[in-house]
Amino acid sequence: MPAAAPPERRTARILLADALDRILLFRFWLDGEDSGHGQAWITPGGGVHPGETLAEAGVRELREETGLALGVADLGPVVARASGEWGRRRRYLAIDSFFWVRVPELTVDTAGFMPEERRLLTDHRWWTRAEIEAAIASGAEPIMPFGLLPLLDRLLAGERPEPPVELPWRPLSELEP
């Protein structure tokens, strides 16, 4: 008998840029802090709650994770998507939708983190394109979404991809050191 398909987990993620063209990323534990699978850098964002639209989830997640309060209309359209299976202990089909937001500046306030986020998100920082490129080349810790640099170049140049860019997905096993 074939294995049951994993449940879907939709997320709204934000590619958040400041006036210096830096992108905000959070460092998090891959598959849980005690999994032994290392850490990676990801964009702000998270799961869509029942009854929530992608944009509503994006606004809520930005407020919880950064302190930035925006309206749904401030997000604009989804600019990219990625999907694939994720997780070791509990598998699911991740369906990530990415919004593009620019702010003049932002002092990140993580006071709105949920308890799980406090455990799993260990750091945050603003990254330049060159820093992202160097980190990807070094392979020390993954930066997600994969395929970020070509998308970032388009977004920083003022382009809004229509339809949204389909970003590559890698299984967790490929991210291990």
C-alpha atoms as a PDB file:
ATOM      1  CA  MET A   1       0.000   0.000   0.000  1.00  0.00           C
ATOM      2  CA  PRO A   2       1.491   3.393  -0.998  1.00  0.00           C
ATOM      3  CA  ALA A   3       2.291   5.880   1.740  1.00  0.00           C
ATOM      4  CA  ALA A   4      -0.301   8.577   2.332  1.00  0.00           C
ATOM      5  CA  ALA A   5       0.497  11.971   0.854  1.00  0.00           C
ATOM      6  CA  PRO A   6       1.801  14.375   3.475  1.00  0.00           C
ATOM      7  CA  PRO A   7      -0.533  17.164   4.586  1.00  0.00           C
ATOM      8  CA  GLU A   8      -0.114  20.566   2.963  1.00  0.00           C
ATOM      9  CA  ARG A   9       1.348  23.493   4.885  1.00  0.00           C
ATOM     10  CA  ARG A  10       0.834  26.819   3.111  1.00  0.00           C
ATOM     11  CA  THR A  11       3.045  29.705   4.142  1.00  0.00           C
ATOM     12  CA  ALA A  12       3.209  33.415   3.409  1.00  0.00           C
ATOM     13  CA  ARG A  13       6.820  34.550   3.334  1.00  0.00           C
ATOM     14  CA  ILE A  14       8.164  38.069   2.904  1.00  0.00           C
ATOM     15  CA  LEU A  15      11.201  39.197   0.951  1.00  0.00           C
ATOM     16  CA  LEU A  16      11.766  42.337   3.026  1.00  0.00           C
ATOM     17  CA  ALA A  17      14.262  44.882   1.691  1.00  0.00           C
ATOM     18  CA  ASP A  18      15.454  48.138   3.212  1.00  0.00           C
ATOM     19  CA  ALA A  19      16.626  51.358   1.513  1.00  0.00           C
ATOM     20  CA  LEU A  20      20.172  49.948   1.305  1.00  0.00           C
ATOM     21  CA  ASP A  21      18.884  46.963  -0.747  1.00  0.00           C
ATOM     22  CA  ARG A  22      19.547  44.593   2.151  1.00  0.00           C
ATOM     23  CA  ILE A  23      17.258  41.617   2.759  1.00  0.00           C
ATOM     24  CA  LEU A  24      16.134  40.529   6.226  1.00  0.00           C
ATOM     25  CA  LEU A  25      16.772  36.862   7.028  1.00  0.00           C
ATOM     26  CA  PHE A  26      16.241  34.812  10.176  1.00  0.00           C
ATOM     27  CA  ARG A  27      18.514  31.965  11.232  1.00  0.00           C
ATOM     28  CA  PHE A  28      16.573  28.862  12.177  1.00  0.00           C
ATOM     29  CA  TRP A  29      17.068  25.218  13.101  1.00  0.00           C
ATOM     30  CA  LEU A  30      16.398  22.827  10.243  1.00  0.00           C
ATOM     31  CA  ASP A  31      13.709  20.389  11.354  1.00  0.00           C
ATOM     32  CA  GLY A  32      13.897  21.398  15.036  1.00  0.00           C
ATOM     33  CA  GLU A  33      16.712  22.444  17.341  1.00  0.00           C
ATOM     34  CA  ASP A  34      17.465  18.936  18.547  1.00  0.00           C
ATOM     35  CA  SER A  35      17.391  17.276  15.132  1.00  0.00           C
ATOM     36  CA  GLY A  36      21.123  17.552  14.446  1.00  0.00           C
ATOM     37  CA  HIS A  37      20.437  18.948  10.964  1.00  0.00           C
ATOM     38  CA  GLY A  38      22.044  22.361  11.440  1.00  0.00           C
ATOM     39  CA  GLN A  39      20.689  25.782  10.662  1.00  0.00           C
ATOM     40  CA  ALA A  40      19.689  27.829   7.642  1.00  0.00           C
ATOM     41  CA  TRP A  41      18.692  31.424   6.895  1.00  0.00           C
ATOM     42  CA  ILE A  42      15.090  32.090   5.848  1.00  0.00           C
ATOM     43  CA  THR A  43      12.795  35.005   5.120  1.00  0.00           C
ATOM     44  CA  PRO A  44      10.245  36.228   7.654  1.00  0.00           C
ATOM     45  CA  GLY A  45       6.890  34.512   7.393  1.00  0.00           C
ATOM     46  CA  GLY A  46       5.031  31.408   8.382  1.00  0.00           C
ATOM     47  CA  GLY A  47       1.945  29.277   8.200  1.00  0.00           C
ATOM     48  CA  VAL A  48      -1.434  30.416   6.942  1.00  0.00           C
ATOM     49  CA  HIS A  49      -4.124  29.930   9.593  1.00  0.00           C
ATOM     50  CA  PRO A  50      -7.536  28.476   8.677  1.00  0.00           C
ATOM     51  CA  GLY A  51      -9.737  31.181   7.153  1.00  0.00           C
ATOM     52  CA  GLU A  52      -6.768  33.489   6.477  1.00  0.00           C
ATOM     53  CA  THR A  53      -5.692  34.659   3.024  1.00  0.00           C
ATOM     54  CA  LEU A  54      -2.019  34.536   2.050  1.00  0.00           C
ATOM     55  CA  ALA A  55      -1.807  38.319   2.360  1.00  0.00           C
ATOM     56  CA  GLU A  56      -3.476  38.327   5.792  1.00  0.00           C
ATOM     57  CA  ALA A  57      -1.000  35.675   6.962  1.00  0.00           C
ATOM     58  CA  GLY A  58       1.909  37.706   5.547  1.00  0.00           C
ATOM     59  CA  VAL A  59       0.805  40.853   7.381  1.00  0.00           C
ATOM     60  CA  ARG A  60       0.324  38.924  10.637  1.00  0.00           C
ATOM     61  CA  GLU A  61       3.677  37.136  10.353  1.00  0.00           C
ATOM     62  CA  LEU A  62       5.539  40.384   9.611  1.00  0.00           C
ATOM     63  CA  ARG A  63       4.002  42.026  12.671  1.00  0.00           C
ATOM     64  CA  GLU A  64       4.796  39.013  14.917  1.00  0.00           C
ATOM     65  CA  GLU A  65       8.343  38.480  13.661  1.00  0.00           C
ATOM     66  CA  THR A  66       9.556  42.014  12.935  1.00  0.00           C
ATOM     67  CA  GLY A  67       7.163  44.443  14.620  1.00  0.00           C
ATOM     68  CA  LEU A  68       6.314  45.952  11.209  1.00  0.00           C
ATOM     69  CA  ALA A  69       2.596  46.747  10.926  1.00  0.00           C
ATOM     70  CA  LEU A  70       1.357  46.827   7.332  1.00  0.00           C
ATOM     71  CA  GLY A  71      -2.009  46.486   5.650  1.00  0.00           C
ATOM     72  CA  VAL A  72      -2.892  43.679   3.259  1.00  0.00           C
ATOM     73  CA  ALA A  73      -2.701  46.080   0.278  1.00  0.00           C
ATOM     74  CA  ASP A  74       0.914  46.935   1.214  1.00  0.00           C
ATOM     75  CA  LEU A  75       2.066  43.430   0.255  1.00  0.00           C
ATOM     76  CA  GLY A  76       1.085  43.547  -3.390  1.00  0.00           C
ATOM     77  CA  PRO A  77       1.051  40.357  -5.441  1.00  0.00           C
ATOM     78  CA  VAL A  78       2.895  37.125  -4.789  1.00  0.00           C
ATOM     79  CA  VAL A  79       6.237  37.355  -6.666  1.00  0.00           C
ATOM     80  CA  ALA A  80       7.479  33.770  -6.216  1.00  0.00           C
ATOM     81  CA  ARG A  81       6.480  30.297  -5.067  1.00  0.00           C
ATOM     82  CA  ALA A  82       8.301  27.168  -3.967  1.00  0.00           C
ATOM     83  CA  SER A  83       6.958  23.818  -2.877  1.00  0.00           C
ATOM     84  CA  GLY A  84       8.206  20.436  -1.805  1.00  0.00           C
ATOM     85  CA  GLU A  85       8.220  17.905   1.007  1.00  0.00           C
ATOM     86  CA  TRP A  86       9.752  19.018   4.288  1.00  0.00           C
ATOM     87  CA  GLY A  87      10.405  17.574   7.710  1.00  0.00           C
ATOM     88  CA  ARG A  88      11.795  14.371   9.132  1.00  0.00           C
ATOM     89  CA  ARG A  89       9.739  13.629  12.214  1.00  0.00           C
ATOM     90  CA  ARG A  90       6.578  15.056  10.740  1.00  0.00           C
ATOM     91  CA  ARG A  91       6.484  15.291   6.938  1.00  0.00           C
ATOM     92  CA  TYR A  92       4.381  17.796   5.069  1.00  0.00           C
ATOM     93  CA  LEU A  93       4.136  19.397   1.654  1.00  0.00           C
ATOM     94  CA  ALA A  94       5.333  22.975   2.083  1.00  0.00           C
ATOM     95  CA  ILE A  95       3.772  25.473  -0.299  1.00  0.00           C
ATOM     96  CA  ASP A  96       5.603  28.779   0.170  1.00  0.00           C
ATOM     97  CA  SER A  97       4.337  32.019  -1.416  1.00  0.00           C
ATOM     98  CA  PHE A  98       6.639  35.053  -1.351  1.00  0.00           C
ATOM     99  CA  PHE A  99       5.684  38.732  -1.221  1.00  0.00           C
ATOM    100  CA  TRP A 100       8.099  41.626  -1.896  1.00  0.00           C
ATOM    101  CA  VAL A 101       8.108  44.562   0.537  1.00  0.00           C
ATOM    102  CA  ARG A 102      10.477  47.524   0.760  1.00  0.00           C
ATOM    103  CA  VAL A 103      10.844  49.693   3.833  1.00  0.00           C
ATOM    104  CA  PRO A 104      13.040  52.776   4.301  1.00  0.00           C
ATOM    105  CA  GLU A 105      14.473  51.224   7.465  1.00  0.00           C
ATOM    106  CA  LEU A 106      13.374  48.919  10.235  1.00  0.00           C
ATOM    107  CA  THR A 107      14.632  48.052  13.667  1.00  0.00           C
ATOM    108  CA  VAL A 108      13.467  44.471  13.997  1.00  0.00           C
ATOM    109  CA  ASP A 109      11.318  43.784  17.062  1.00  0.00           C
ATOM    110  CA  THR A 110      10.893  40.071  17.808  1.00  0.00           C
ATOM    111  CA  ALA A 111       8.685  40.603  20.875  1.00  0.00           C
ATOM    112  CA  GLY A 112       5.772  39.079  18.952  1.00  0.00           C
ATOM    113  CA  PHE A 113       7.483  35.710  18.446  1.00  0.00           C
ATOM    114  CA  MET A 114       5.404  32.675  19.333  1.00  0.00           C
ATOM    115  CA  PRO A 115       7.071  30.204  21.777  1.00  0.00           C
ATOM    116  CA  GLU A 116       8.090  27.863  18.936  1.00  0.00           C
ATOM    117  CA  GLU A 117       9.663  30.768  17.025  1.00  0.00           C
ATOM    118  CA  ARG A 118      11.665  31.725  20.118  1.00  0.00           C
ATOM    119  CA  ARG A 119      13.105  28.184  20.145  1.00  0.00           C
ATOM    120  CA  LEU A 120      13.724  27.802  16.436  1.00  0.00           C
ATOM    121  CA  LEU A 121      14.685  31.306  15.241  1.00  0.00           C
ATOM    122  CA  THR A 122      18.068  32.036  16.770  1.00  0.00           C
ATOM    123  CA  ASP A 123      19.205  35.231  15.046  1.00  0.00           C
ATOM    124  CA  HIS A 124      18.318  37.765  12.389  1.00  0.00           C
ATOM    125  CA  ARG A 125      20.232  40.223  10.263  1.00  0.00           C
ATOM    126  CA  TRP A 126      20.059  42.359   7.149  1.00  0.00           C
ATOM    127  CA  TRP A 127      22.045  40.868   4.242  1.00  0.00           C
ATOM    128  CA  THR A 128      23.479  42.575   1.167  1.00  0.00           C
ATOM    129  CA  ARG A 129      23.322  40.771  -2.144  1.00  0.00           C
ATOM    130  CA  ALA A 130      27.108  40.230  -1.989  1.00  0.00           C
ATOM    131  CA  GLU A 131      26.826  38.671   1.486  1.00  0.00           C
ATOM    132  CA  ILE A 132      24.076  36.328   0.306  1.00  0.00           C
ATOM    133  CA  GLU A 133      26.145  35.341  -2.725  1.00  0.00           C
ATOM    134  CA  ALA A 134      29.219  34.655  -0.542  1.00  0.00           C
ATOM    135  CA  ALA A 135      27.195  32.604   1.937  1.00  0.00           C
ATOM    136  CA  ILE A 136      25.672  30.513  -0.844  1.00  0.00           C
ATOM    137  CA  ALA A 137      29.131  29.946  -2.360  1.00  0.00           C
ATOM    138  CA  SER A 138      30.598  28.871   0.993  1.00  0.00           C
ATOM    139  CA  GLY A 139      27.797  26.382   1.625  1.00  0.00           C
ATOM    140  CA  ALA A 140      28.246  26.808   5.395  1.00  0.00           C
ATOM    141  CA  GLU A 141      24.540  27.381   6.062  1.00  0.00           C
ATOM    142  CA  PRO A 142      21.832  27.290   3.416  1.00  0.00           C
ATOM    143  CA  ILE A 143      19.955  30.441   2.475  1.00  0.00           C
ATOM    144  CA  MET A 144      16.360  29.894   1.489  1.00  0.00           C
ATOM    145  CA  PRO A 145      14.516  30.211  -0.726  1.00  0.00           C
ATOM    146  CA  PHE A 146      16.808  28.526  -3.203  1.00  0.00           C
ATOM    147  CA  GLY A 147      17.139  30.560  -6.366  1.00  0.00           C
ATOM    148  CA  LEU A 148      16.975  33.776  -4.332  1.00  0.00           C
ATOM    149  CA  LEU A 149      19.719  35.735  -6.129  1.00  0.00           C
ATOM    150  CA  PRO A 150      18.216  35.844  -9.658  1.00  0.00           C
ATOM    151  CA  LEU A 151      14.830  36.721  -8.153  1.00  0.00           C
ATOM    152  CA  LEU A 152      16.389  39.366  -5.914  1.00  0.00           C
ATOM    153  CA  ASP A 153      18.141  40.959  -8.906  1.00  0.00           C
ATOM    154  CA  ARG A 154      14.815  41.269 -10.715  1.00  0.00           C
ATOM    155  CA  LEU A 155      13.014  42.678  -7.676  1.00  0.00           C
ATOM    156  CA  LEU A 156      15.744  45.203  -6.852  1.00  0.00           C
ATOM    157  CA  ALA A 157      15.625  46.365 -10.492  1.00  0.00           C
ATOM    158  CA  GLY A 158      11.919  47.154 -10.003  1.00  0.00           C
ATOM    159  CA  GLU A 159      10.473  44.153 -11.844  1.00  0.00           C
ATOM    160  CA  ARG A 160       7.431  42.349 -10.429  1.00  0.00           C
ATOM    161  CA  PRO A 161       7.303  38.904 -12.035  1.00  0.00           C
ATOM    162  CA  GLU A 162       3.929  37.945 -13.490  1.00  0.00           C
ATOM    163  CA  PRO A 163       3.187  35.113 -13.148  1.00  0.00           C
ATOM    164  CA  PRO A 164       5.151  34.484  -9.935  1.00  0.00           C
ATOM    165  CA  VAL A 165       8.572  32.842 -10.332  1.00  0.00           C
ATOM    166  CA  GLU A 166       8.653  29.130  -9.479  1.00  0.00           C
ATOM    167  CA  LEU A 167      11.694  28.671  -7.232  1.00  0.00           C
ATOM    168  CA  PRO A 168      13.547  25.363  -6.896  1.00  0.00           C
ATOM    169  CA  TRP A 169      13.042  23.088  -3.903  1.00  0.00           C
ATOM    170  CA  ARG A 170      15.554  20.815  -2.201  1.00  0.00           C
ATOM    171  CA  PRO A 171      14.814  18.019   0.236  1.00  0.00           C
ATOM    172  CA  LEU A 172      16.161  18.371   3.772  1.00  0.00           C
ATOM    173  CA  SER A 173      18.662  15.556   3.154  1.00  0.00           C
ATOM    174  CA  GLU A 174      20.494  17.776   0.644  1.00  0.00           C
ATOM    175  CA  LEU A 175      20.871  20.553   3.234  1.00  0.00           C
ATOM    176  CA  GLU A 176      22.784  18.527   5.795  1.00  0.00           C
ATOM    177  CA  PRO A 177      26.467  19.387   6.274  1.00  0.00           C
END
